[in-house]
């Protein structure tokens, strides 16, 4: 399982990445794939199940599952 989280700001991506590292989860910051769009251009790739109750904050934009067919939206932050 691989998931991609996009953010409104680079700072939000960095905070999310650090939070995952503190949880012991493998994650990496990277440019947003071309098929996805994000205002800051940075995303976080991670391999733990996304939990909106504990992982979402105001900087998180969207979370996608990466599938063999492409990307499937699993979470969109309501502003």
PDB file of N, CA and C in Angstrom:
ATOM      1  N   UNK A   1       0.846  -1.171   0.000  1.00  0.00           N
ATOM      2  CA  UNK A   1       0.000   0.000   0.000  1.00  0.00           C
ATOM      3  C   UNK A   1       0.893   1.236   0.000  1.00  0.00           C
ATOM      4  N   UNK A   2       0.601   2.129  -0.896  1.00  0.00           N
ATOM      5  CA  UNK A   2       1.304   3.409  -0.944  1.00  0.00           C
ATOM      6  C   UNK A   2       0.267   4.504  -1.059  1.00  0.00           C
ATOM      7  N   UNK A   3       0.441   5.532  -0.249  1.00  0.00           N
ATOM      8  CA  UNK A   3      -0.472   6.659  -0.284  1.00  0.00           C
ATOM      9  C   UNK A   3       0.320   7.943  -0.492  1.00  0.00           C
ATOM     10  N   UNK A   4      -0.347   8.916  -1.095  1.00  0.00           N
ATOM     11  CA  UNK A   4       0.245  10.216  -1.383  1.00  0.00           C
ATOM     12  C   UNK A   4      -0.638  11.280  -0.735  1.00  0.00           C
ATOM     13  N   UNK A   5      -0.024  12.161   0.053  1.00  0.00           N
ATOM     14  CA  UNK A   5      -0.742  13.271   0.663  1.00  0.00           C
ATOM     15  C   UNK A   5      -0.247  14.576   0.038  1.00  0.00           C
ATOM     16  N   UNK A   6      -1.172  15.434  -0.363  1.00  0.00           N
ATOM     17  CA  UNK A   6      -0.819  16.751  -0.904  1.00  0.00           C
ATOM     18  C   UNK A   6      -1.200  17.814   0.119  1.00  0.00           C
ATOM     19  N   UNK A   7      -0.576  18.991  -0.008  1.00  0.00           N
ATOM     20  CA  UNK A   7      -0.703  20.020   1.021  1.00  0.00           C
ATOM     21  C   UNK A   7      -0.876  21.404   0.419  1.00  0.00           C
ATOM     22  N   UNK A   8      -1.408  22.299   1.232  1.00  0.00           N
ATOM     23  CA  UNK A   8      -1.550  23.694   0.828  1.00  0.00           C
ATOM     24  C   UNK A   8      -0.213  24.424   0.914  1.00  0.00           C
ATOM     25  N   UNK A   9       0.661  23.995   1.845  1.00  0.00           N
ATOM     26  CA  UNK A   9       1.944  24.666   2.043  1.00  0.00           C
ATOM     27  C   UNK A   9       3.067  23.634   2.178  1.00  0.00           C
ATOM     28  N   UNK A  10       4.275  24.074   1.859  1.00  0.00           N
ATOM     29  CA  UNK A  10       5.449  23.219   2.042  1.00  0.00           C
ATOM     30  C   UNK A  10       5.654  22.913   3.528  1.00  0.00           C
ATOM     31  N   UNK A  11       5.396  23.884   4.380  1.00  0.00           N
ATOM     32  CA  UNK A  11       5.513  23.706   5.824  1.00  0.00           C
ATOM     33  C   UNK A  11       4.573  22.599   6.308  1.00  0.00           C
ATOM     34  N   UNK A  12       3.358  22.541   5.769  1.00  0.00           N
ATOM     35  CA  UNK A  12       2.410  21.491   6.130  1.00  0.00           C
ATOM     36  C   UNK A  12       2.924  20.121   5.739  1.00  0.00           C
ATOM     37  N   UNK A  13       3.534  20.025   4.562  1.00  0.00           N
ATOM     38  CA  UNK A  13       4.112  18.751   4.109  1.00  0.00           C
ATOM     39  C   UNK A  13       5.244  18.319   5.034  1.00  0.00           C
ATOM     40  N   UNK A  14       6.095  19.253   5.414  1.00  0.00           N
ATOM     41  CA  UNK A  14       7.209  18.951   6.303  1.00  0.00           C
ATOM     42  C   UNK A  14       6.710  18.481   7.669  1.00  0.00           C
ATOM     43  N   UNK A  15       5.715  19.149   8.223  1.00  0.00           N
ATOM     44  CA  UNK A  15       5.148  18.735   9.516  1.00  0.00           C
ATOM     45  C   UNK A  15       4.547  17.339   9.446  1.00  0.00           C
ATOM     46  N   UNK A  16       3.815  17.042   8.384  1.00  0.00           N
ATOM     47  CA  UNK A  16       3.200  15.726   8.211  1.00  0.00           C
ATOM     48  C   UNK A  16       4.282  14.645   8.114  1.00  0.00           C
ATOM     49  N   UNK A  17       5.314  14.918   7.333  1.00  0.00           N
ATOM     50  CA  UNK A  17       6.437  13.987   7.173  1.00  0.00           C
ATOM     51  C   UNK A  17       7.104  13.710   8.525  1.00  0.00           C
ATOM     52  N   UNK A  18       7.359  14.738   9.292  1.00  0.00           N
ATOM     53  CA  UNK A  18       7.982  14.567  10.611  1.00  0.00           C
ATOM     54  C   UNK A  18       7.081  13.795  11.570  1.00  0.00           C
ATOM     55  N   UNK A  19       5.765  14.053  11.503  1.00  0.00           N
ATOM     56  CA  UNK A  19       4.819  13.328  12.356  1.00  0.00           C
ATOM     57  C   UNK A  19       4.846  11.837  12.033  1.00  0.00           C
ATOM     58  N   UNK A  20       4.886  11.495  10.759  1.00  0.00           N
ATOM     59  CA  UNK A  20       4.968  10.085  10.362  1.00  0.00           C
ATOM     60  C   UNK A  20       6.270   9.454  10.849  1.00  0.00           C
ATOM     61  N   UNK A  21       7.370  10.181  10.759  1.00  0.00           N
ATOM     62  CA  UNK A  21       8.657   9.663  11.236  1.00  0.00           C
ATOM     63  C   UNK A  21       8.616   9.396  12.735  1.00  0.00           C
ATOM     64  N   UNK A  22       8.000  10.296  13.505  1.00  0.00           N
ATOM     65  CA  UNK A  22       7.877  10.085  14.955  1.00  0.00           C
ATOM     66  C   UNK A  22       7.031   8.853  15.263  1.00  0.00           C
ATOM     67  N   UNK A  23       6.075   8.538  14.388  1.00  0.00           N
ATOM     68  CA  UNK A  23       5.247   7.345  14.552  1.00  0.00           C
ATOM     69  C   UNK A  23       5.998   6.075  14.151  1.00  0.00           C
ATOM     70  N   UNK A  24       7.182   6.241  13.571  1.00  0.00           N
ATOM     71  CA  UNK A  24       7.953   5.086  13.111  1.00  0.00           C
ATOM     72  C   UNK A  24       7.564   4.620  11.726  1.00  0.00           C
ATOM     73  N   UNK A  25       6.801   5.438  11.015  1.00  0.00           N
ATOM     74  CA  UNK A  25       6.341   5.077   9.674  1.00  0.00           C
ATOM     75  C   UNK A  25       7.338   5.559   8.628  1.00  0.00           C
ATOM     76  N   UNK A  26       7.500   4.773   7.599  1.00  0.00           N
ATOM     77  CA  UNK A  26       8.353   5.168   6.484  1.00  0.00           C
ATOM     78  C   UNK A  26       7.608   6.188   5.628  1.00  0.00           C
ATOM     79  N   UNK A  27       8.281   7.304   5.335  1.00  0.00           N
ATOM     80  CA  UNK A  27       7.670   8.323   4.488  1.00  0.00           C
ATOM     81  C   UNK A  27       8.768   9.082   3.766  1.00  0.00           C
ATOM     82  N   UNK A  28       8.374   9.773   2.702  1.00  0.00           N
ATOM     83  CA  UNK A  28       9.331  10.563   1.927  1.00  0.00           C
ATOM     84  C   UNK A  28       8.621  11.771   1.348  1.00  0.00           C
ATOM     85  N   UNK A  29       9.297  12.908   1.402  1.00  0.00           N
ATOM     86  CA  UNK A  29       8.791  14.099   0.730  1.00  0.00           C
ATOM     87  C   UNK A  29       9.276  14.057  -0.707  1.00  0.00           C
ATOM     88  N   UNK A  30       8.425  14.506  -1.628  1.00  0.00           N
ATOM     89  CA  UNK A  30       8.777  14.478  -3.042  1.00  0.00           C
ATOM     90  C   UNK A  30       7.895  15.463  -3.800  1.00  0.00           C
ATOM     91  N   UNK A  31       8.257  15.759  -5.058  1.00  0.00           N
ATOM     92  CA  UNK A  31       7.373  16.604  -5.874  1.00  0.00           C
ATOM     93  C   UNK A  31       6.044  15.888  -6.134  1.00  0.00           C
ATOM     94  N   UNK A  32       4.988  16.645  -6.241  1.00  0.00           N
ATOM     95  CA  UNK A  32       3.667  16.071  -6.522  1.00  0.00           C
ATOM     96  C   UNK A  32       3.682  15.460  -7.922  1.00  0.00           C
ATOM     97  N   UNK A  33       3.187  14.217  -8.064  1.00  0.00           N
ATOM     98  CA  UNK A  33       3.108  13.621  -9.406  1.00  0.00           C
ATOM     99  C   UNK A  33       2.277  14.492 -10.350  1.00  0.00           C
ATOM    100  N   UNK A  34       2.623  14.476 -11.621  1.00  0.00           N
ATOM    101  CA  UNK A  34       1.940  15.324 -12.608  1.00  0.00           C
ATOM    102  C   UNK A  34       0.442  15.080 -12.691  1.00  0.00           C
ATOM    103  N   UNK A  35       0.017  13.856 -12.437  1.00  0.00           N
ATOM    104  CA  UNK A  35      -1.416  13.541 -12.529  1.00  0.00           C
ATOM    105  C   UNK A  35      -2.213  14.155 -11.392  1.00  0.00           C
ATOM    106  N   UNK A  36      -1.520  14.583 -10.338  1.00  0.00           N
ATOM    107  CA  UNK A  36      -2.175  15.214  -9.194  1.00  0.00           C
ATOM    108  C   UNK A  36      -1.807  16.688  -9.186  1.00  0.00           C
ATOM    109  N   UNK A  37      -2.555  17.455  -8.467  1.00  0.00           N
ATOM    110  CA  UNK A  37      -2.285  18.887  -8.403  1.00  0.00           C
ATOM    111  C   UNK A  37      -2.270  19.327  -6.947  1.00  0.00           C
ATOM    112  N   UNK A  38      -1.348  20.205  -6.603  1.00  0.00           N
ATOM    113  CA  UNK A  38      -1.304  20.753  -5.249  1.00  0.00           C
ATOM    114  C   UNK A  38      -0.720  22.155  -5.300  1.00  0.00           C
ATOM    115  N   UNK A  39      -1.178  23.001  -4.405  1.00  0.00           N
ATOM    116  CA  UNK A  39      -0.758  24.389  -4.453  1.00  0.00           C
ATOM    117  C   UNK A  39       0.713  24.582  -4.098  1.00  0.00           C
ATOM    118  N   UNK A  40       1.289  23.729  -3.257  1.00  0.00           N
ATOM    119  CA  UNK A  40       2.685  23.962  -2.876  1.00  0.00           C
ATOM    120  C   UNK A  40       3.666  23.136  -3.706  1.00  0.00           C
ATOM    121  N   UNK A  41       3.193  22.116  -4.420  1.00  0.00           N
ATOM    122  CA  UNK A  41       4.066  21.321  -5.277  1.00  0.00           C
ATOM    123  C   UNK A  41       4.824  20.219  -4.566  1.00  0.00           C
ATOM    124  N   UNK A  42       4.633  20.081  -3.247  1.00  0.00           N
ATOM    125  CA  UNK A  42       5.310  19.048  -2.465  1.00  0.00           C
ATOM    126  C   UNK A  42       4.273  18.090  -1.901  1.00  0.00           C
ATOM    127  N   UNK A  43       4.599  16.799  -1.927  1.00  0.00           N
ATOM    128  CA  UNK A  43       3.714  15.808  -1.340  1.00  0.00           C
ATOM    129  C   UNK A  43       4.528  14.897  -0.426  1.00  0.00           C
ATOM    130  N   UNK A  44       3.820  14.061   0.321  1.00  0.00           N
ATOM    131  CA  UNK A  44       4.455  13.058   1.172  1.00  0.00           C
ATOM    132  C   UNK A  44       3.910  11.699   0.764  1.00  0.00           C
ATOM    133  N   UNK A  45       4.840  10.794   0.459  1.00  0.00           N
ATOM    134  CA  UNK A  45       4.487   9.411   0.135  1.00  0.00           C
ATOM    135  C   UNK A  45       4.679   8.603   1.418  1.00  0.00           C
ATOM    136  N   UNK A  46       3.696   7.756   1.754  1.00  0.00           N
ATOM    137  CA  UNK A  46       3.790   6.971   2.980  1.00  0.00           C
ATOM    138  C   UNK A  46       3.075   5.645   2.819  1.00  0.00           C
ATOM    139  N   UNK A  47       3.371   4.705   3.739  1.00  0.00           N
ATOM    140  CA  UNK A  47       2.864   3.338   3.579  1.00  0.00           C
ATOM    141  C   UNK A  47       2.056   2.851   4.777  1.00  0.00           C
ATOM    142  N   UNK A  48       1.594   3.751   5.633  1.00  0.00           N
ATOM    143  CA  UNK A  48       0.717   3.351   6.737  1.00  0.00           C
ATOM    144  C   UNK A  48      -0.703   3.766   6.383  1.00  0.00           C
ATOM    145  N   UNK A  49      -1.702   3.050   6.880  1.00  0.00           N
ATOM    146  CA  UNK A  49      -3.089   3.432   6.569  1.00  0.00           C
ATOM    147  C   UNK A  49      -3.389   4.852   7.060  1.00  0.00           C
ATOM    148  N   UNK A  50      -4.033   5.634   6.210  1.00  0.00           N
ATOM    149  CA  UNK A  50      -4.392   7.004   6.567  1.00  0.00           C
ATOM    150  C   UNK A  50      -5.584   6.993   7.510  1.00  0.00           C
ATOM    151  N   UNK A  51      -5.464   7.749   8.606  1.00  0.00           N
ATOM    152  CA  UNK A  51      -6.551   7.901   9.577  1.00  0.00           C
ATOM    153  C   UNK A  51      -6.845   9.400   9.692  1.00  0.00           C
ATOM    154  N   UNK A  52      -7.966   9.817   9.165  1.00  0.00           N
ATOM    155  CA  UNK A  52      -8.308  11.241   9.143  1.00  0.00           C
ATOM    156  C   UNK A  52      -8.419  11.827  10.547  1.00  0.00           C
ATOM    157  N   UNK A  53      -8.855  11.049  11.515  1.00  0.00           N
ATOM    158  CA  UNK A  53      -9.024  11.556  12.874  1.00  0.00           C
ATOM    159  C   UNK A  53      -7.702  11.952  13.521  1.00  0.00           C
ATOM    160  N   UNK A  54      -6.627  11.236  13.215  1.00  0.00           N
ATOM    161  CA  UNK A  54      -5.340  11.511  13.862  1.00  0.00           C
ATOM    162  C   UNK A  54      -4.310  12.147  12.935  1.00  0.00           C
ATOM    163  N   UNK A  55      -4.499  12.070  11.627  1.00  0.00           N
ATOM    164  CA  UNK A  55      -3.475  12.533  10.699  1.00  0.00           C
ATOM    165  C   UNK A  55      -3.826  13.822   9.968  1.00  0.00           C
ATOM    166  N   UNK A  56      -5.088  14.162   9.884  1.00  0.00           N
ATOM    167  CA  UNK A  56      -5.500  15.350   9.124  1.00  0.00           C
ATOM    168  C   UNK A  56      -5.344  16.610   9.962  1.00  0.00           C
ATOM    169  N   UNK A  57      -4.910  17.678   9.307  1.00  0.00           N
ATOM    170  CA  UNK A  57      -4.874  19.005   9.914  1.00  0.00           C
ATOM    171  C   UNK A  57      -5.221  20.026   8.840  1.00  0.00           C
ATOM    172  N   UNK A  58      -5.163  21.309   9.187  1.00  0.00           N
ATOM    173  CA  UNK A  58      -5.617  22.343   8.243  1.00  0.00           C
ATOM    174  C   UNK A  58      -4.728  22.485   7.014  1.00  0.00           C
ATOM    175  N   UNK A  59      -3.475  22.034   7.061  1.00  0.00           N
ATOM    176  CA  UNK A  59      -2.579  22.146   5.907  1.00  0.00           C
ATOM    177  C   UNK A  59      -2.734  20.997   4.910  1.00  0.00           C
ATOM    178  N   UNK A  60      -3.327  19.899   5.342  1.00  0.00           N
ATOM    179  CA  UNK A  60      -3.511  18.745   4.460  1.00  0.00           C
ATOM    180  C   UNK A  60      -4.567  19.077   3.410  1.00  0.00           C
ATOM    181  N   UNK A  61      -4.269  18.798   2.158  1.00  0.00           N
ATOM    182  CA  UNK A  61      -5.223  19.040   1.072  1.00  0.00           C
ATOM    183  C   UNK A  61      -5.971  17.761   0.740  1.00  0.00           C
ATOM    184  N   UNK A  62      -5.263  16.772   0.167  1.00  0.00           N
ATOM    185  CA  UNK A  62      -5.898  15.520  -0.238  1.00  0.00           C
ATOM    186  C   UNK A  62      -4.968  14.340   0.018  1.00  0.00           C
ATOM    187  N   UNK A  63      -5.572  13.149   0.108  1.00  0.00           N
ATOM    188  CA  UNK A  63      -4.807  11.906   0.245  1.00  0.00           C
ATOM    189  C   UNK A  63      -5.311  10.944  -0.820  1.00  0.00           C
ATOM    190  N   UNK A  64      -4.362  10.301  -1.507  1.00  0.00           N
ATOM    191  CA  UNK A  64      -4.666   9.364  -2.580  1.00  0.00           C
ATOM    192  C   UNK A  64      -4.032   8.011  -2.292  1.00  0.00           C
ATOM    193  N   UNK A  65      -4.736   6.944  -2.673  1.00  0.00           N
ATOM    194  CA  UNK A  65      -4.147   5.605  -2.735  1.00  0.00           C
ATOM    195  C   UNK A  65      -3.511   5.476  -4.100  1.00  0.00           C
ATOM    196  N   UNK A  66      -2.319   4.933  -4.150  1.00  0.00           N
ATOM    197  CA  UNK A  66      -1.696   4.640  -5.444  1.00  0.00           C
ATOM    198  C   UNK A  66      -2.067   3.221  -5.817  1.00  0.00           C
ATOM    199  N   UNK A  67      -2.699   3.065  -6.962  1.00  0.00           N
ATOM    200  CA  UNK A  67      -3.148   1.759  -7.447  1.00  0.00           C
ATOM    201  C   UNK A  67      -2.473   1.479  -8.785  1.00  0.00           C
ATOM    202  N   UNK A  68      -2.529   0.244  -9.255  1.00  0.00           N
ATOM    203  CA  UNK A  68      -1.966  -0.050 -10.578  1.00  0.00           C
ATOM    204  C   UNK A  68      -2.614   0.783 -11.693  1.00  0.00           C
ATOM    205  N   UNK A  69      -3.861   1.205 -11.488  1.00  0.00           N
ATOM    206  CA  UNK A  69      -4.569   1.996 -12.492  1.00  0.00           C
ATOM    207  C   UNK A  69      -4.273   3.484 -12.386  1.00  0.00           C
ATOM    208  N   UNK A  70      -3.658   3.916 -11.301  1.00  0.00           N
ATOM    209  CA  UNK A  70      -3.380   5.338 -11.103  1.00  0.00           C
ATOM    210  C   UNK A  70      -3.588   5.730  -9.654  1.00  0.00           C
ATOM    211  N   UNK A  71      -4.232   6.866  -9.431  1.00  0.00           N
ATOM    212  CA  UNK A  71      -4.450   7.381  -8.083  1.00  0.00           C
ATOM    213  C   UNK A  71      -5.942   7.447  -7.790  1.00  0.00           C
ATOM    214  N   UNK A  72      -6.305   7.027  -6.578  1.00  0.00           N
ATOM    215  CA  UNK A  72      -7.704   7.059  -6.156  1.00  0.00           C
ATOM    216  C   UNK A  72      -7.813   7.962  -4.929  1.00  0.00           C
ATOM    217  N   UNK A  73      -8.639   8.994  -5.018  1.00  0.00           N
ATOM    218  CA  UNK A  73      -8.838   9.922  -3.911  1.00  0.00           C
ATOM    219  C   UNK A  73      -9.515   9.202  -2.750  1.00  0.00           C
ATOM    220  N   UNK A  74      -8.922   9.301  -1.545  1.00  0.00           N
ATOM    221  CA  UNK A  74      -9.531   8.685  -0.367  1.00  0.00           C
ATOM    222  C   UNK A  74      -9.894   9.711   0.695  1.00  0.00           C
ATOM    223  N   UNK A  75      -9.352  10.938   0.580  1.00  0.00           N
ATOM    224  CA  UNK A  75      -9.653  11.983   1.562  1.00  0.00           C
ATOM    225  C   UNK A  75      -9.453  13.349   0.910  1.00  0.00           C
ATOM    226  N   UNK A  76     -10.399  14.234   1.153  1.00  0.00           N
ATOM    227  CA  UNK A  76     -10.273  15.639   0.729  1.00  0.00           C
ATOM    228  C   UNK A  76     -10.639  16.511   1.906  1.00  0.00           C
ATOM    229  N   UNK A  77      -9.756  17.410   2.280  1.00  0.00           N
ATOM    230  CA  UNK A  77      -9.976  18.282   3.428  1.00  0.00           C
ATOM    231  C   UNK A  77     -10.992  19.343   3.063  1.00  0.00           C
ATOM    232  N   UNK A  78     -12.039  19.455   3.872  1.00  0.00           N
ATOM    233  CA  UNK A  78     -13.052  20.495   3.670  1.00  0.00           C
ATOM    234  C   UNK A  78     -12.594  21.748   4.383  1.00  0.00           C
ATOM    235  N   UNK A  79     -12.517  22.817   3.658  1.00  0.00           N
ATOM    236  CA  UNK A  79     -12.030  24.063   4.248  1.00  0.00           C
ATOM    237  C   UNK A  79     -13.152  24.900   4.766  1.00  0.00           C
TER     238      UNK A  79
END
